């Protein structure tokens, strides 16, 4: 069963990117809120502090995974000729993963310039 889910032509890939993005979003802002409540960095540090570095690493790792999944699905779509169901699923999966990677970068970029706990 898990082996079938791993195939880039499985229908789960049409929503997997958005699910991974939403999990990242909850972890990013949930972690930020908890860290600001328990151990906030000082305001004098500005945007360069341990919390922003951690959030940036999480963002870059998530974006990397989503881009890798985009590439996998896109390559799988190229293997199919004509208009097959597998090709369509792989193309939609690549689009969803790519869109989610872009959204993660756009939403995560403020950690490079803004202090975390204002």
PDB file of N, CA and C in Angstrom:
ATOM      1  N   UNK A   1       0.823  -1.191   0.000  1.00  0.00           N
ATOM      2  CA  UNK A   1       0.000   0.000   0.000  1.00  0.00           C
ATOM      3  C   UNK A   1       0.868   1.257   0.000  1.00  0.00           C
ATOM      4  N   UNK A   2       1.871   1.333   0.891  1.00  0.00           N
ATOM      5  CA  UNK A   2       2.735   2.504   0.939  1.00  0.00           C
ATOM      6  C   UNK A   2       3.567   2.644  -0.328  1.00  0.00           C
ATOM      7  N   UNK A   3       3.899   1.521  -0.941  1.00  0.00           N
ATOM      8  CA  UNK A   3       4.667   1.577  -2.178  1.00  0.00           C
ATOM      9  C   UNK A   3       3.851   2.236  -3.283  1.00  0.00           C
ATOM     10  N   UNK A   4       2.561   1.966  -3.317  1.00  0.00           N
ATOM     11  CA  UNK A   4       1.692   2.586  -4.321  1.00  0.00           C
ATOM     12  C   UNK A   4       1.558   4.094  -4.073  1.00  0.00           C
ATOM     13  N   UNK A   5       1.514   4.513  -2.823  1.00  0.00           N
ATOM     14  CA  UNK A   5       1.427   5.940  -2.506  1.00  0.00           C
ATOM     15  C   UNK A   5       2.685   6.693  -2.916  1.00  0.00           C
ATOM     16  N   UNK A   6       3.814   6.023  -2.973  1.00  0.00           N
ATOM     17  CA  UNK A   6       5.075   6.653  -3.303  1.00  0.00           C
ATOM     18  C   UNK A   6       5.177   7.006  -4.785  1.00  0.00           C
ATOM     19  N   UNK A   7       4.436   6.289  -5.643  1.00  0.00           N
ATOM     20  CA  UNK A   7       4.477   6.557  -7.083  1.00  0.00           C
ATOM     21  C   UNK A   7       4.025   7.985  -7.374  1.00  0.00           C
ATOM     22  N   UNK A   8       4.731   8.717  -8.230  1.00  0.00           N
ATOM     23  CA  UNK A   8       4.333  10.098  -8.532  1.00  0.00           C
ATOM     24  C   UNK A   8       3.034  10.203  -9.321  1.00  0.00           C
ATOM     25  N   UNK A   9       2.510   9.072  -9.777  1.00  0.00           N
ATOM     26  CA  UNK A   9       1.242   9.089 -10.509  1.00  0.00           C
ATOM     27  C   UNK A   9       0.063   8.710  -9.615  1.00  0.00           C
ATOM     28  N   UNK A  10       0.302   8.587  -8.319  1.00  0.00           N
ATOM     29  CA  UNK A  10      -0.792   8.274  -7.398  1.00  0.00           C
ATOM     30  C   UNK A  10      -1.616   9.540  -7.164  1.00  0.00           C
ATOM     31  N   UNK A  11      -2.939   9.417  -7.108  1.00  0.00           N
ATOM     32  CA  UNK A  11      -3.792  10.595  -6.909  1.00  0.00           C
ATOM     33  C   UNK A  11      -3.510  11.386  -5.628  1.00  0.00           C
ATOM     34  N   UNK A  12      -2.862  10.786  -4.651  1.00  0.00           N
ATOM     35  CA  UNK A  12      -2.549  11.508  -3.410  1.00  0.00           C
ATOM     36  C   UNK A  12      -1.647  12.706  -3.670  1.00  0.00           C
ATOM     37  N   UNK A  13      -0.865  12.662  -4.750  1.00  0.00           N
ATOM     38  CA  UNK A  13       0.047  13.763  -5.043  1.00  0.00           C
ATOM     39  C   UNK A  13      -0.683  15.031  -5.472  1.00  0.00           C
ATOM     40  N   UNK A  14      -1.939  14.913  -5.828  1.00  0.00           N
ATOM     41  CA  UNK A  14      -2.686  16.115  -6.207  1.00  0.00           C
ATOM     42  C   UNK A  14      -2.956  17.015  -5.005  1.00  0.00           C
ATOM     43  N   UNK A  15      -2.931  16.462  -3.796  1.00  0.00           N
ATOM     44  CA  UNK A  15      -3.164  17.270  -2.591  1.00  0.00           C
ATOM     45  C   UNK A  15      -2.010  17.218  -1.596  1.00  0.00           C
ATOM     46  N   UNK A  16      -1.050  16.339  -1.795  1.00  0.00           N
ATOM     47  CA  UNK A  16       0.035  16.164  -0.831  1.00  0.00           C
ATOM     48  C   UNK A  16       0.844  17.442  -0.623  1.00  0.00           C
ATOM     49  N   UNK A  17       1.108  18.180  -1.689  1.00  0.00           N
ATOM     50  CA  UNK A  17       1.873  19.416  -1.557  1.00  0.00           C
ATOM     51  C   UNK A  17       1.173  20.424  -0.660  1.00  0.00           C
ATOM     52  N   UNK A  18      -0.122  20.555  -0.828  1.00  0.00           N
ATOM     53  CA  UNK A  18      -0.878  21.504  -0.012  1.00  0.00           C
ATOM     54  C   UNK A  18      -0.968  21.035   1.444  1.00  0.00           C
ATOM     55  N   UNK A  19      -1.029  19.734   1.644  1.00  0.00           N
ATOM     56  CA  UNK A  19      -1.043  19.197   3.009  1.00  0.00           C
ATOM     57  C   UNK A  19       0.302  19.462   3.686  1.00  0.00           C
ATOM     58  N   UNK A  20       1.399  19.207   2.966  1.00  0.00           N
ATOM     59  CA  UNK A  20       2.727  19.473   3.534  1.00  0.00           C
ATOM     60  C   UNK A  20       2.899  20.958   3.820  1.00  0.00           C
ATOM     61  N   UNK A  21       2.416  21.816   2.918  1.00  0.00           N
ATOM     62  CA  UNK A  21       2.500  23.259   3.147  1.00  0.00           C
ATOM     63  C   UNK A  21       1.729  23.651   4.402  1.00  0.00           C
ATOM     64  N   UNK A  22       0.530  23.119   4.566  1.00  0.00           N
ATOM     65  CA  UNK A  22      -0.271  23.502   5.740  1.00  0.00           C
ATOM     66  C   UNK A  22       0.369  23.000   7.034  1.00  0.00           C
ATOM     67  N   UNK A  23       0.973  21.825   7.017  1.00  0.00           N
ATOM     68  CA  UNK A  23       1.690  21.340   8.204  1.00  0.00           C
ATOM     69  C   UNK A  23       2.882  22.239   8.515  1.00  0.00           C
ATOM     70  N   UNK A  24       3.607  22.645   7.474  1.00  0.00           N
ATOM     71  CA  UNK A  24       4.724  23.572   7.667  1.00  0.00           C
ATOM     72  C   UNK A  24       4.224  24.893   8.248  1.00  0.00           C
ATOM     73  N   UNK A  25       3.122  25.415   7.729  1.00  0.00           N
ATOM     74  CA  UNK A  25       2.572  26.684   8.189  1.00  0.00           C
ATOM     75  C   UNK A  25       2.212  26.628   9.668  1.00  0.00           C
ATOM     76  N   UNK A  26       1.562  25.560  10.091  1.00  0.00           N
ATOM     77  CA  UNK A  26       1.193  25.396  11.501  1.00  0.00           C
ATOM     78  C   UNK A  26       2.446  25.269  12.363  1.00  0.00           C
ATOM     79  N   UNK A  27       3.426  24.504  11.896  1.00  0.00           N
ATOM     80  CA  UNK A  27       4.673  24.349  12.667  1.00  0.00           C
ATOM     81  C   UNK A  27       5.426  25.670  12.753  1.00  0.00           C
ATOM     82  N   UNK A  28       5.454  26.427  11.659  1.00  0.00           N
ATOM     83  CA  UNK A  28       6.170  27.700  11.644  1.00  0.00           C
ATOM     84  C   UNK A  28       5.558  28.688  12.629  1.00  0.00           C
ATOM     85  N   UNK A  29       4.274  28.955  12.498  1.00  0.00           N
ATOM     86  CA  UNK A  29       3.664  29.972  13.347  1.00  0.00           C
ATOM     87  C   UNK A  29       3.320  29.455  14.741  1.00  0.00           C
ATOM     88  N   UNK A  30       3.058  28.174  14.872  1.00  0.00           N
ATOM     89  CA  UNK A  30       2.881  27.598  16.201  1.00  0.00           C
ATOM     90  C   UNK A  30       4.184  27.611  16.977  1.00  0.00           C
ATOM     91  N   UNK A  31       5.273  27.203  16.309  1.00  0.00           N
ATOM     92  CA  UNK A  31       6.585  27.230  16.943  1.00  0.00           C
ATOM     93  C   UNK A  31       7.022  28.637  17.290  1.00  0.00           C
ATOM     94  N   UNK A  32       6.744  29.575  16.400  1.00  0.00           N
ATOM     95  CA  UNK A  32       7.073  30.979  16.661  1.00  0.00           C
ATOM     96  C   UNK A  32       6.336  31.487  17.895  1.00  0.00           C
ATOM     97  N   UNK A  33       5.065  31.193  17.995  1.00  0.00           N
ATOM     98  CA  UNK A  33       4.263  31.659  19.133  1.00  0.00           C
ATOM     99  C   UNK A  33       4.740  31.052  20.449  1.00  0.00           C
ATOM    100  N   UNK A  34       5.009  29.759  20.441  1.00  0.00           N
ATOM    101  CA  UNK A  34       5.468  29.093  21.659  1.00  0.00           C
ATOM    102  C   UNK A  34       6.842  29.618  22.064  1.00  0.00           C
ATOM    103  N   UNK A  35       7.749  29.759  21.094  1.00  0.00           N
ATOM    104  CA  UNK A  35       9.091  30.246  21.412  1.00  0.00           C
ATOM    105  C   UNK A  35       9.054  31.682  21.922  1.00  0.00           C
ATOM    106  N   UNK A  36       8.201  32.511  21.337  1.00  0.00           N
ATOM    107  CA  UNK A  36       8.096  33.906  21.806  1.00  0.00           C
ATOM    108  C   UNK A  36       7.526  33.978  23.212  1.00  0.00           C
ATOM    109  N   UNK A  37       6.717  33.023  23.588  1.00  0.00           N
ATOM    110  CA  UNK A  37       6.140  33.008  24.941  1.00  0.00           C
ATOM    111  C   UNK A  37       7.138  32.466  25.968  1.00  0.00           C
ATOM    112  N   UNK A  38       7.880  31.430  25.594  1.00  0.00           N
ATOM    113  CA  UNK A  38       8.759  30.761  26.562  1.00  0.00           C
ATOM    114  C   UNK A  38      10.165  31.346  26.613  1.00  0.00           C
ATOM    115  N   UNK A  39      10.820  31.513  25.480  1.00  0.00           N
ATOM    116  CA  UNK A  39      12.204  31.992  25.444  1.00  0.00           C
ATOM    117  C   UNK A  39      12.390  32.997  24.300  1.00  0.00           C
ATOM    118  N   UNK A  40      11.827  34.179  24.412  1.00  0.00           N
ATOM    119  CA  UNK A  40      11.929  35.140  23.306  1.00  0.00           C
ATOM    120  C   UNK A  40      13.346  35.694  23.166  1.00  0.00           C
ATOM    121  N   UNK A  41      13.805  35.875  21.930  1.00  0.00           N
ATOM    122  CA  UNK A  41      15.100  36.545  21.752  1.00  0.00           C
ATOM    123  C   UNK A  41      14.958  38.033  22.068  1.00  0.00           C
ATOM    124  N   UNK A  42      16.050  38.663  22.383  1.00  0.00           N
ATOM    125  CA  UNK A  42      15.986  40.083  22.723  1.00  0.00           C
ATOM    126  C   UNK A  42      15.717  40.923  21.476  1.00  0.00           C
ATOM    127  N   UNK A  43      15.067  42.055  21.667  1.00  0.00           N
ATOM    128  CA  UNK A  43      14.749  42.937  20.543  1.00  0.00           C
ATOM    129  C   UNK A  43      16.002  43.567  19.948  1.00  0.00           C
ATOM    130  N   UNK A  44      17.070  43.693  20.733  1.00  0.00           N
ATOM    131  CA  UNK A  44      18.308  44.280  20.242  1.00  0.00           C
ATOM    132  C   UNK A  44      18.944  43.436  19.143  1.00  0.00           C
ATOM    133  N   UNK A  45      18.663  42.139  19.142  1.00  0.00           N
ATOM    134  CA  UNK A  45      19.225  41.255  18.118  1.00  0.00           C
ATOM    135  C   UNK A  45      18.590  41.500  16.755  1.00  0.00           C
ATOM    136  N   UNK A  46      17.416  42.054  16.731  1.00  0.00           N
ATOM    137  CA  UNK A  46      16.726  42.293  15.465  1.00  0.00           C
ATOM    138  C   UNK A  46      16.319  40.988  14.801  1.00  0.00           C
ATOM    139  N   UNK A  47      16.529  40.918  13.507  1.00  0.00           N
ATOM    140  CA  UNK A  47      16.121  39.726  12.755  1.00  0.00           C
ATOM    141  C   UNK A  47      17.164  38.615  12.795  1.00  0.00           C
ATOM    142  N   UNK A  48      18.369  38.926  13.257  1.00  0.00           N
ATOM    143  CA  UNK A  48      19.437  37.926  13.296  1.00  0.00           C
ATOM    144  C   UNK A  48      19.472  37.303  14.684  1.00  0.00           C
ATOM    145  N   UNK A  49      18.781  36.178  14.834  1.00  0.00           N
ATOM    146  CA  UNK A  49      18.742  35.488  16.124  1.00  0.00           C
ATOM    147  C   UNK A  49      18.473  34.004  15.887  1.00  0.00           C
ATOM    148  N   UNK A  50      18.534  33.235  16.950  1.00  0.00           N
ATOM    149  CA  UNK A  50      18.386  31.786  16.847  1.00  0.00           C
ATOM    150  C   UNK A  50      16.998  31.386  16.362  1.00  0.00           C
ATOM    151  N   UNK A  51      15.970  32.106  16.746  1.00  0.00           N
ATOM    152  CA  UNK A  51      14.606  31.740  16.373  1.00  0.00           C
ATOM    153  C   UNK A  51      14.378  31.933  14.874  1.00  0.00           C
ATOM    154  N   UNK A  52      14.787  33.072  14.347  1.00  0.00           N
ATOM    155  CA  UNK A  52      14.633  33.296  12.911  1.00  0.00           C
ATOM    156  C   UNK A  52      15.481  32.325  12.097  1.00  0.00           C
ATOM    157  N   UNK A  53      16.666  31.996  12.594  1.00  0.00           N
ATOM    158  CA  UNK A  53      17.514  31.027  11.893  1.00  0.00           C
ATOM    159  C   UNK A  53      16.839  29.652  11.851  1.00  0.00           C
ATOM    160  N   UNK A  54      16.228  29.258  12.949  1.00  0.00           N
ATOM    161  CA  UNK A  54      15.517  27.977  12.991  1.00  0.00           C
ATOM    162  C   UNK A  54      14.328  27.973  12.039  1.00  0.00           C
ATOM    163  N   UNK A  55      13.576  29.061  12.045  1.00  0.00           N
ATOM    164  CA  UNK A  55      12.415  29.148  11.152  1.00  0.00           C
ATOM    165  C   UNK A  55      12.835  29.179   9.688  1.00  0.00           C
ATOM    166  N   UNK A  56      13.947  29.838   9.386  1.00  0.00           N
ATOM    167  CA  UNK A  56      14.446  29.868   8.012  1.00  0.00           C
ATOM    168  C   UNK A  56      14.893  28.483   7.569  1.00  0.00           C
ATOM    169  N   UNK A  57      15.574  27.750   8.452  1.00  0.00           N
ATOM    170  CA  UNK A  57      15.988  26.381   8.109  1.00  0.00           C
ATOM    171  C   UNK A  57      14.781  25.485   7.856  1.00  0.00           C
ATOM    172  N   UNK A  58      13.748  25.608   8.684  1.00  0.00           N
ATOM    173  CA  UNK A  58      12.530  24.834   8.479  1.00  0.00           C
ATOM    174  C   UNK A  58      11.882  25.189   7.141  1.00  0.00           C
ATOM    175  N   UNK A  59      11.860  26.469   6.809  1.00  0.00           N
ATOM    176  CA  UNK A  59      11.278  26.916   5.549  1.00  0.00           C
ATOM    177  C   UNK A  59      12.063  26.387   4.360  1.00  0.00           C
ATOM    178  N   UNK A  60      13.388  26.470   4.420  1.00  0.00           N
ATOM    179  CA  UNK A  60      14.213  26.000   3.314  1.00  0.00           C
ATOM    180  C   UNK A  60      14.131  24.485   3.149  1.00  0.00           C
ATOM    181  N   UNK A  61      14.065  23.749   4.248  1.00  0.00           N
ATOM    182  CA  UNK A  61      13.929  22.293   4.168  1.00  0.00           C
ATOM    183  C   UNK A  61      12.594  21.905   3.557  1.00  0.00           C
ATOM    184  N   UNK A  62      11.532  22.550   3.983  1.00  0.00           N
ATOM    185  CA  UNK A  62      10.203  22.257   3.439  1.00  0.00           C
ATOM    186  C   UNK A  62      10.140  22.606   1.961  1.00  0.00           C
ATOM    187  N   UNK A  63      10.683  23.751   1.594  1.00  0.00           N
ATOM    188  CA  UNK A  63      10.695  24.154   0.189  1.00  0.00           C
ATOM    189  C   UNK A  63      11.503  23.167  -0.643  1.00  0.00           C
ATOM    190  N   UNK A  64      12.618  22.718  -0.119  1.00  0.00           N
ATOM    191  CA  UNK A  64      13.431  21.732  -0.831  1.00  0.00           C
ATOM    192  C   UNK A  64      12.693  20.433  -1.084  1.00  0.00           C
ATOM    193  N   UNK A  65      11.993  19.937  -0.081  1.00  0.00           N
ATOM    194  CA  UNK A  65      11.215  18.705  -0.242  1.00  0.00           C
ATOM    195  C   UNK A  65      10.115  18.905  -1.279  1.00  0.00           C
ATOM    196  N   UNK A  66       9.432  20.038  -1.211  1.00  0.00           N
ATOM    197  CA  UNK A  66       8.349  20.308  -2.164  1.00  0.00           C
ATOM    198  C   UNK A  66       8.881  20.454  -3.590  1.00  0.00           C
ATOM    199  N   UNK A  67      10.035  21.077  -3.756  1.00  0.00           N
ATOM    200  CA  UNK A  67      10.620  21.197  -5.095  1.00  0.00           C
ATOM    201  C   UNK A  67      11.077  19.841  -5.626  1.00  0.00           C
ATOM    202  N   UNK A  68      11.592  19.005  -4.747  1.00  0.00           N
ATOM    203  CA  UNK A  68      11.978  17.657  -5.154  1.00  0.00           C
ATOM    204  C   UNK A  68      10.758  16.857  -5.617  1.00  0.00           C
ATOM    205  N   UNK A  69       9.655  16.969  -4.871  1.00  0.00           N
ATOM    206  CA  UNK A  69       8.426  16.290  -5.269  1.00  0.00           C
ATOM    207  C   UNK A  69       7.883  16.844  -6.586  1.00  0.00           C
ATOM    208  N   UNK A  70       8.033  18.151  -6.798  1.00  0.00           N
ATOM    209  CA  UNK A  70       7.628  18.762  -8.065  1.00  0.00           C
ATOM    210  C   UNK A  70       8.402  18.138  -9.215  1.00  0.00           C
ATOM    211  N   UNK A  71       9.700  18.045  -9.061  1.00  0.00           N
ATOM    212  CA  UNK A  71      10.544  17.480 -10.104  1.00  0.00           C
ATOM    213  C   UNK A  71      10.188  16.012 -10.374  1.00  0.00           C
ATOM    214  N   UNK A  72       9.960  15.257  -9.328  1.00  0.00           N
ATOM    215  CA  UNK A  72       9.591  13.840  -9.484  1.00  0.00           C
ATOM    216  C   UNK A  72       8.308  13.678 -10.279  1.00  0.00           C
ATOM    217  N   UNK A  73       7.296  14.454  -9.922  1.00  0.00           N
ATOM    218  CA  UNK A  73       6.014  14.355 -10.619  1.00  0.00           C
ATOM    219  C   UNK A  73       6.138  14.832 -12.060  1.00  0.00           C
ATOM    220  N   UNK A  74       6.896  15.895 -12.283  1.00  0.00           N
ATOM    221  CA  UNK A  74       7.040  16.423 -13.638  1.00  0.00           C
ATOM    222  C   UNK A  74       7.756  15.422 -14.542  1.00  0.00           C
ATOM    223  N   UNK A  75       8.801  14.790 -14.027  1.00  0.00           N
ATOM    224  CA  UNK A  75       9.501  13.754 -14.813  1.00  0.00           C
ATOM    225  C   UNK A  75       8.597  12.563 -15.092  1.00  0.00           C
ATOM    226  N   UNK A  76       7.773  12.196 -14.133  1.00  0.00           N
ATOM    227  CA  UNK A  76       6.852  11.076 -14.343  1.00  0.00           C
ATOM    228  C   UNK A  76       5.831  11.428 -15.415  1.00  0.00           C
ATOM    229  N   UNK A  77       5.379  12.669 -15.446  1.00  0.00           N
ATOM    230  CA  UNK A  77       4.393  13.089 -16.452  1.00  0.00           C
ATOM    231  C   UNK A  77       4.983  13.021 -17.858  1.00  0.00           C
ATOM    232  N   UNK A  78       6.272  13.294 -17.995  1.00  0.00           N
ATOM    233  CA  UNK A  78       6.920  13.259 -19.311  1.00  0.00           C
ATOM    234  C   UNK A  78       7.011  11.844 -19.884  1.00  0.00           C
ATOM    235  N   UNK A  79       6.972  10.841 -19.015  1.00  0.00           N
ATOM    236  CA  UNK A  79       7.101   9.453 -19.481  1.00  0.00           C
ATOM    237  C   UNK A  79       5.858   8.947 -20.193  1.00  0.00           C
ATOM    238  N   UNK A  80       4.723   9.589 -19.982  1.00  0.00           N
ATOM    239  CA  UNK A  80       3.470   9.106 -20.551  1.00  0.00           C
ATOM    240  C   UNK A  80       3.145   9.864 -21.830  1.00  0.00           C
ATOM    241  N   UNK A  81       2.760   9.127 -22.859  1.00  0.00           N
ATOM    242  CA  UNK A  81       2.403   9.710 -24.150  1.00  0.00           C
ATOM    243  C   UNK A  81       0.926  10.076 -24.171  1.00  0.00           C
ATOM    244  N   UNK A  82       0.601  11.100 -24.935  1.00  0.00           N
ATOM    245  CA  UNK A  82      -0.800  11.449 -25.121  1.00  0.00           C
ATOM    246  C   UNK A  82      -1.424  12.004 -23.855  1.00  0.00           C
ATOM    247  N   UNK A  83      -2.719  11.776 -23.745  1.00  0.00           N
ATOM    248  CA  UNK A  83      -3.445  12.289 -22.574  1.00  0.00           C
ATOM    249  C   UNK A  83      -3.957  11.120 -21.747  1.00  0.00           C
ATOM    250  N   UNK A  84      -3.104  10.601 -20.905  1.00  0.00           N
ATOM    251  CA  UNK A  84      -3.503   9.502 -20.036  1.00  0.00           C
ATOM    252  C   UNK A  84      -3.823  10.033 -18.648  1.00  0.00           C
ATOM    253  N   UNK A  85      -4.514   9.218 -17.892  1.00  0.00           N
ATOM    254  CA  UNK A  85      -4.872   9.607 -16.523  1.00  0.00           C
ATOM    255  C   UNK A  85      -3.623   9.778 -15.660  1.00  0.00           C
ATOM    256  N   UNK A  86      -2.636   8.885 -15.832  1.00  0.00           N
ATOM    257  CA  UNK A  86      -1.406   8.982 -15.044  1.00  0.00           C
ATOM    258  C   UNK A  86      -0.661  10.280 -15.339  1.00  0.00           C
ATOM    259  N   UNK A  87      -0.643  10.657 -16.608  1.00  0.00           N
ATOM    260  CA  UNK A  87       0.032  11.907 -16.979  1.00  0.00           C
ATOM    261  C   UNK A  87      -0.657  13.107 -16.336  1.00  0.00           C
ATOM    262  N   UNK A  88      -1.979  13.128 -16.383  1.00  0.00           N
ATOM    263  CA  UNK A  88      -2.733  14.231 -15.796  1.00  0.00           C
ATOM    264  C   UNK A  88      -2.494  14.325 -14.290  1.00  0.00           C
ATOM    265  N   UNK A  89      -2.541  13.194 -13.610  1.00  0.00           N
ATOM    266  CA  UNK A  89      -2.322  13.186 -12.156  1.00  0.00           C
ATOM    267  C   UNK A  89      -0.919  13.675 -11.821  1.00  0.00           C
ATOM    268  N   UNK A  90       0.073  13.214 -12.588  1.00  0.00           N
ATOM    269  CA  UNK A  90       1.456  13.652 -12.342  1.00  0.00           C
ATOM    270  C   UNK A  90       1.612  15.146 -12.612  1.00  0.00           C
ATOM    271  N   UNK A  91       0.970  15.667 -13.649  1.00  0.00           N
ATOM    272  CA  UNK A  91       1.059  17.100 -13.947  1.00  0.00           C
ATOM    273  C   UNK A  91       0.382  17.942 -12.863  1.00  0.00           C
ATOM    274  N   UNK A  92      -0.791  17.510 -12.428  1.00  0.00           N
ATOM    275  CA  UNK A  92      -1.485  18.236 -11.365  1.00  0.00           C
ATOM    276  C   UNK A  92      -0.692  18.159 -10.066  1.00  0.00           C
ATOM    277  N   UNK A  93      -0.117  17.000  -9.780  1.00  0.00           N
ATOM    278  CA  UNK A  93       0.728  16.848  -8.594  1.00  0.00           C
ATOM    279  C   UNK A  93       1.942  17.771  -8.652  1.00  0.00           C
ATOM    280  N   UNK A  94       2.584  17.848  -9.824  1.00  0.00           N
ATOM    281  CA  UNK A  94       3.732  18.745  -9.974  1.00  0.00           C
ATOM    282  C   UNK A  94       3.310  20.196  -9.756  1.00  0.00           C
ATOM    283  N   UNK A  95       2.162  20.564 -10.292  1.00  0.00           N
ATOM    284  CA  UNK A  95       1.667  21.927 -10.105  1.00  0.00           C
ATOM    285  C   UNK A  95       1.363  22.231  -8.645  1.00  0.00           C
ATOM    286  N   UNK A  96       0.723  21.300  -7.967  1.00  0.00           N
ATOM    287  CA  UNK A  96       0.382  21.506  -6.559  1.00  0.00           C
ATOM    288  C   UNK A  96       1.639  21.591  -5.692  1.00  0.00           C
ATOM    289  N   UNK A  97       2.614  20.723  -5.963  1.00  0.00           N
ATOM    290  CA  UNK A  97       3.869  20.770  -5.200  1.00  0.00           C
ATOM    291  C   UNK A  97       4.619  22.072  -5.481  1.00  0.00           C
ATOM    292  N   UNK A  98       4.675  22.468  -6.748  1.00  0.00           N
ATOM    293  CA  UNK A  98       5.365  23.704  -7.103  1.00  0.00           C
ATOM    294  C   UNK A  98       4.702  24.936  -6.503  1.00  0.00           C
ATOM    295  N   UNK A  99       3.379  24.983  -6.563  1.00  0.00           N
ATOM    296  CA  UNK A  99       2.643  26.087  -5.964  1.00  0.00           C
ATOM    297  C   UNK A  99       2.908  26.150  -4.461  1.00  0.00           C
ATOM    298  N   UNK A 100       2.910  25.004  -3.810  1.00  0.00           N
ATOM    299  CA  UNK A 100       3.144  24.950  -2.365  1.00  0.00           C
ATOM    300  C   UNK A 100       4.564  25.385  -2.021  1.00  0.00           C
ATOM    301  N   UNK A 101       5.544  25.014  -2.856  1.00  0.00           N
ATOM    302  CA  UNK A 101       6.930  25.445  -2.621  1.00  0.00           C
ATOM    303  C   UNK A 101       7.039  26.962  -2.728  1.00  0.00           C
ATOM    304  N   UNK A 102       6.405  27.535  -3.738  1.00  0.00           N
ATOM    305  CA  UNK A 102       6.416  28.987  -3.882  1.00  0.00           C
ATOM    306  C   UNK A 102       5.739  29.683  -2.718  1.00  0.00           C
ATOM    307  N   UNK A 103       4.624  29.133  -2.269  1.00  0.00           N
ATOM    308  CA  UNK A 103       3.906  29.719  -1.140  1.00  0.00           C
ATOM    309  C   UNK A 103       4.742  29.643   0.136  1.00  0.00           C
ATOM    310  N   UNK A 104       5.455  28.546   0.337  1.00  0.00           N
ATOM    311  CA  UNK A 104       6.305  28.422   1.520  1.00  0.00           C
ATOM    312  C   UNK A 104       7.416  29.472   1.497  1.00  0.00           C
ATOM    313  N   UNK A 105       8.013  29.694   0.334  1.00  0.00           N
ATOM    314  CA  UNK A 105       9.063  30.713   0.250  1.00  0.00           C
ATOM    315  C   UNK A 105       8.509  32.108   0.503  1.00  0.00           C
ATOM    316  N   UNK A 106       7.387  32.426  -0.102  1.00  0.00           N
ATOM    317  CA  UNK A 106       6.813  33.765   0.060  1.00  0.00           C
ATOM    318  C   UNK A 106       6.394  34.019   1.504  1.00  0.00           C
ATOM    319  N   UNK A 107       5.759  33.049   2.127  1.00  0.00           N
ATOM    320  CA  UNK A 107       5.307  33.225   3.508  1.00  0.00           C
ATOM    321  C   UNK A 107       6.488  33.184   4.478  1.00  0.00           C
ATOM    322  N   UNK A 108       7.527  32.428   4.150  1.00  0.00           N
ATOM    323  CA  UNK A 108       8.660  32.279   5.056  1.00  0.00           C
ATOM    324  C   UNK A 108       9.714  33.363   4.937  1.00  0.00           C
ATOM    325  N   UNK A 109       9.714  34.155   3.858  1.00  0.00           N
ATOM    326  CA  UNK A 109      10.751  35.167   3.676  1.00  0.00           C
ATOM    327  C   UNK A 109      10.792  36.258   4.739  1.00  0.00           C
ATOM    328  N   UNK A 110       9.702  36.664   5.356  1.00  0.00           N
ATOM    329  CA  UNK A 110       9.798  37.703   6.383  1.00  0.00           C
ATOM    330  C   UNK A 110      10.714  37.349   7.562  1.00  0.00           C
ATOM    331  N   UNK A 111      11.006  36.076   7.785  1.00  0.00           N
ATOM    332  CA  UNK A 111      11.895  35.733   8.899  1.00  0.00           C
ATOM    333  C   UNK A 111      13.319  36.219   8.633  1.00  0.00           C
ATOM    334  N   UNK A 112      13.628  36.601   7.395  1.00  0.00           N
ATOM    335  CA  UNK A 112      14.978  37.100   7.096  1.00  0.00           C
ATOM    336  C   UNK A 112      15.124  38.580   7.418  1.00  0.00           C
ATOM    337  N   UNK A 113      14.004  39.296   7.609  1.00  0.00           N
ATOM    338  CA  UNK A 113      14.093  40.743   7.781  1.00  0.00           C
ATOM    339  C   UNK A 113      13.400  41.283   9.034  1.00  0.00           C
ATOM    340  N   UNK A 114      12.465  40.535   9.601  1.00  0.00           N
ATOM    341  CA  UNK A 114      11.691  41.053  10.727  1.00  0.00           C
ATOM    342  C   UNK A 114      12.071  40.372  12.037  1.00  0.00           C
ATOM    343  N   UNK A 115      12.117  41.120  13.129  1.00  0.00           N
ATOM    344  CA  UNK A 115      12.324  40.486  14.432  1.00  0.00           C
ATOM    345  C   UNK A 115      11.113  39.593  14.747  1.00  0.00           C
ATOM    346  N   UNK A 116      11.320  38.467  15.379  1.00  0.00           N
ATOM    347  CA  UNK A 116      10.248  37.494  15.537  1.00  0.00           C
ATOM    348  C   UNK A 116       9.179  37.849  16.551  1.00  0.00           C
ATOM    349  N   UNK A 117       9.529  38.452  17.649  1.00  0.00           N
ATOM    350  CA  UNK A 117       8.572  38.638  18.746  1.00  0.00           C
ATOM    351  C   UNK A 117       8.302  40.117  18.994  1.00  0.00           C
ATOM    352  N   UNK A 118       7.503  40.712  18.171  1.00  0.00           N
ATOM    353  CA  UNK A 118       7.199  42.132  18.351  1.00  0.00           C
ATOM    354  C   UNK A 118       5.999  42.344  19.239  1.00  0.00           C
TER     355      UNK A 118
END
